[in-house]
C-alpha atoms as a PDB file:
ATOM      1  CA  UNK A   1     157.839-236.844  36.955  1.00  0.00           C
ATOM      2  CA  UNK A   2     155.235-239.106  38.516  1.00  0.00           C
ATOM      3  CA  UNK A   3     152.760-236.235  38.569  1.00  0.00           C
ATOM      4  CA  UNK A   4     153.396-235.593  34.910  1.00  0.00           C
ATOM      5  CA  UNK A   5     152.915-239.283  34.151  1.00  0.00           C
ATOM      6  CA  UNK A   6     149.713-239.304  36.176  1.00  0.00           C
ATOM      7  CA  UNK A   7     148.417-236.260  34.280  1.00  0.00           C
ATOM      8  CA  UNK A   8     149.291-237.787  30.940  1.00  0.00           C
ATOM      9  CA  UNK A   9     147.626-241.088  31.862  1.00  0.00           C
ATOM     10  CA  UNK A  10     144.512-239.345  33.090  1.00  0.00           C
ATOM     11  CA  UNK A  11     144.461-237.251  29.902  1.00  0.00           C
ATOM     12  CA  UNK A  12     144.823-240.414  27.838  1.00  0.00           C
ATOM     13  CA  UNK A  13     142.040-242.053  29.812  1.00  0.00           C
ATOM     14  CA  UNK A  14     139.878-238.987  29.299  1.00  0.00           C
ATOM     15  CA  UNK A  15     140.533-239.087  25.544  1.00  0.00           C
ATOM     16  CA  UNK A  16     139.691-242.785  25.410  1.00  0.00           C
ATOM     17  CA  UNK A  17     136.479-242.217  27.392  1.00  0.00           C
ATOM     18  CA  UNK A  18     135.486-239.312  25.189  1.00  0.00           C
ATOM     19  CA  UNK A  19     136.146-241.407  22.050  1.00  0.00           C
ATOM     20  CA  UNK A  20     134.025-244.204  23.507  1.00  0.00           C
ATOM     21  CA  UNK A  21     131.261-241.761  24.311  1.00  0.00           C
ATOM     22  CA  UNK A  22     131.497-240.369  20.793  1.00  0.00           C
ATOM     23  CA  UNK A  23     131.211-243.876  19.363  1.00  0.00           C
ATOM     24  CA  UNK A  24     128.176-244.658  21.523  1.00  0.00           C
ATOM     25  CA  UNK A  25     126.475-241.393  20.560  1.00  0.00           C
ATOM     26  CA  UNK A  26     127.284-241.998  16.900  1.00  0.00           C
ATOM     27  CA  UNK A  27     125.877-245.514  17.121  1.00  0.00           C
ATOM     28  CA  UNK A  28     122.697-244.255  18.790  1.00  0.00           C
ATOM     29  CA  UNK A  29     122.345-241.547  16.156  1.00  0.00           C
ATOM     30  CA  UNK A  30     122.841-244.124  13.405  1.00  0.00           C
ATOM     31  CA  UNK A  31     120.131-246.322  14.950  1.00  0.00           C
ATOM     32  CA  UNK A  32     117.720-243.391  15.147  1.00  0.00           C
ATOM     33  CA  UNK A  33     118.433-242.421  11.541  1.00  0.00           C
ATOM     34  CA  UNK A  34     118.025-246.026  10.425  1.00  0.00           C
ATOM     35  CA  UNK A  35     114.646-246.249  12.186  1.00  0.00           C
ATOM     36  CA  UNK A  36     113.588-242.978  10.557  1.00  0.00           C
ATOM     37  CA  UNK A  37     114.637-244.332   7.188  1.00  0.00           C
ATOM     38  CA  UNK A  38     112.595-247.491   7.777  1.00  0.00           C
ATOM     39  CA  UNK A  39     109.567-245.402   8.752  1.00  0.00           C
ATOM     40  CA  UNK A  40     109.931-243.254   5.654  1.00  0.00           C
ATOM     41  CA  UNK A  41     110.256-246.313   3.430  1.00  0.00           C
ATOM     42  CA  UNK A  42     107.180-247.897   4.986  1.00  0.00           C
ATOM     43  CA  UNK A  43     105.230-244.664   4.462  1.00  0.00           C
ATOM     44  CA  UNK A  44     106.411-244.539   0.862  1.00  0.00           C
ATOM     45  CA  UNK A  45     105.317-248.131   0.354  1.00  0.00           C
ATOM     46  CA  UNK A  46     101.957-247.332   1.931  1.00  0.00           C
ATOM     47  CA  UNK A  47     101.535-244.361  -0.413  1.00  0.00           C
ATOM     48  CA  UNK A  48     102.406-246.492  -3.446  1.00  0.00           C
ATOM     49  CA  UNK A  49      99.949-249.210  -2.413  1.00  0.00           C
ATOM     50  CA  UNK A  50      97.247-246.601  -1.793  1.00  0.00           C
ATOM     51  CA  UNK A  51      97.887-245.047  -5.189  1.00  0.00           C
ATOM     52  CA  UNK A  52      97.695-248.441  -6.893  1.00  0.00           C
ATOM     53  CA  UNK A  53      94.482-249.226  -5.042  1.00  0.00           C
ATOM     54  CA  UNK A  54      93.049-245.872  -6.090  1.00  0.00           C
ATOM     55  CA  UNK A  55      93.984-246.589  -9.730  1.00  0.00           C
ATOM     56  CA  UNK A  56      92.354-250.017  -9.591  1.00  0.00           C
ATOM     57  CA  UNK A  57      89.191-248.614  -8.000  1.00  0.00           C
ATOM     58  CA  UNK A  58      89.063-245.820 -10.585  1.00  0.00           C
ATOM     59  CA  UNK A  59      89.417-248.361 -13.377  1.00  0.00           C
ATOM     60  CA  UNK A  60      86.650-250.503 -11.867  1.00  0.00           C
ATOM     61  CA  UNK A  61      84.408-247.456 -11.549  1.00  0.00           C
ATOM     62  CA  UNK A  62      85.130-246.518 -15.175  1.00  0.00           C
ATOM     63  CA  UNK A  63      84.277-250.058 -16.320  1.00  0.00           C
ATOM     64  CA  UNK A  64      81.114-249.982 -14.205  1.00  0.00           C
ATOM     65  CA  UNK A  65      80.028-246.710 -15.839  1.00  0.00           C
ATOM     66  CA  UNK A  66      80.710-248.101 -19.313  1.00  0.00           C
ATOM     67  CA  UNK A  67      78.837-251.324 -18.513  1.00  0.00           C
ATOM     68  CA  UNK A  68      75.928-249.399 -16.998  1.00  0.00           C
ATOM     69  CA  UNK A  69      75.739-247.148 -20.074  1.00  0.00           C
ATOM     70  CA  UNK A  70      75.831-250.158 -22.390  1.00  0.00           C
ATOM     71  CA  UNK A  71      73.132-251.942 -20.386  1.00  0.00           C
ATOM     72  CA  UNK A  72      71.052-248.763 -20.372  1.00  0.00           C
ATOM     73  CA  UNK A  73      71.260-248.533 -24.159  1.00  0.00           C
ATOM     74  CA  UNK A  74      70.469-252.239 -24.625  1.00  0.00           C
ATOM     75  CA  UNK A  75      67.565-252.188 -22.169  1.00  0.00           C
ATOM     76  CA  UNK A  76      66.178-248.973 -23.644  1.00  0.00           C
ATOM     77  CA  UNK A  77      66.336-250.448 -27.149  1.00  0.00           C
ATOM     78  CA  UNK A  78      64.695-253.681 -25.978  1.00  0.00           C
ATOM     79  CA  UNK A  79      61.978-251.760 -24.172  1.00  0.00           C
ATOM     80  CA  UNK A  80      61.452-249.608 -27.257  1.00  0.00           C
ATOM     81  CA  UNK A  81      61.039-252.713 -29.425  1.00  0.00           C
ATOM     82  CA  UNK A  82      58.665-254.327 -26.919  1.00  0.00           C
ATOM     83  CA  UNK A  83      56.588-251.160 -26.560  1.00  0.00           C
ATOM     84  CA  UNK A  84      56.518-250.595 -30.312  1.00  0.00           C
ATOM     85  CA  UNK A  85      55.317-254.150 -31.001  1.00  0.00           C
ATOM     86  CA  UNK A  86      52.721-254.032 -28.218  1.00  0.00           C
ATOM     87  CA  UNK A  87      51.586-250.628 -29.494  1.00  0.00           C
ATOM     88  CA  UNK A  88      51.205-252.115 -32.967  1.00  0.00           C
ATOM     89  CA  UNK A  89      49.161-255.005 -31.543  1.00  0.00           C
ATOM     90  CA  UNK A  90      47.050-252.569 -29.511  1.00  0.00           C
ATOM     91  CA  UNK A  91      46.531-250.297 -32.503  1.00  0.00           C
ATOM     92  CA  UNK A  92      45.691-253.248 -34.729  1.00  0.00           C
ATOM     93  CA  UNK A  93      43.220-254.578 -32.175  1.00  0.00           C
ATOM     94  CA  UNK A  94      41.648-251.119 -31.744  1.00  0.00           C
ATOM     95  CA  UNK A  95      41.431-250.706 -35.524  1.00  0.00           C
ATOM     96  CA  UNK A  96      39.859-254.163 -35.773  1.00  0.00           C
ATOM     97  CA  UNK A  97      37.282-253.281 -33.106  1.00  0.00           C
ATOM     98  CA  UNK A  98      36.471-249.943 -34.762  1.00  0.00           C
ATOM     99  CA  UNK A  99      36.225-251.465 -38.230  1.00  0.00           C
ATOM    100  CA  UNK A 100      34.161-254.422 -37.002  1.00  0.00           C
ATOM    101  CA  UNK A 101      31.735-252.200 -35.132  1.00  0.00           C
ATOM    102  CA  UNK A 102      31.470-249.845 -38.134  1.00  0.00           C
ATOM    103  CA  UNK A 103      30.892-252.775 -40.467  1.00  0.00           C
ATOM    104  CA  UNK A 104      28.337-254.175 -38.054  1.00  0.00           C
ATOM    105  CA  UNK A 105      26.576-250.818 -37.920  1.00  0.00           C
ATOM    106  CA  UNK A 106      26.626-250.519 -41.716  1.00  0.00           C
ATOM    107  CA  UNK A 107      25.325-254.044 -42.140  1.00  0.00           C
ATOM    108  CA  UNK A 108      22.665-253.520 -39.521  1.00  0.00           C
ATOM    109  CA  UNK A 109      21.493-250.285 -41.125  1.00  0.00           C
ATOM    110  CA  UNK A 110      21.546-251.804 -44.608  1.00  0.00           C
ATOM    111  CA  UNK A 111      19.482-254.801 -43.436  1.00  0.00           C
ATOM    112  CA  UNK A 112      16.867-252.374 -42.094  1.00  0.00           C
ATOM    113  CA  UNK A 113      16.822-250.675 -45.456  1.00  0.00           C
ATOM    114  CA  UNK A 114      16.334-253.943 -47.325  1.00  0.00           C
END
């Protein structure tokens, strides 16, 4: 009877120890899974932040291209106006010089005739 009691107690102790070991292993597994979940969430957050940053940089690049195109058009138009007006002044001055020298030549030749 005492041997049977000893066997039953040792079996009970073995069951309790195995349940404790199972609890410890389960707790360790839960901790590992929780850490993996935290890592995955941090990676997801990093991906979202990177995507938002990429969207913002793309928008800034798009605005830069639009602004550069607008400035190119404005500067080209301004340069065209400046060049056209200076060309008119240059042409007018050249025409004045040509007409004045022609008139001078005509007057000089007509004074020789008179």
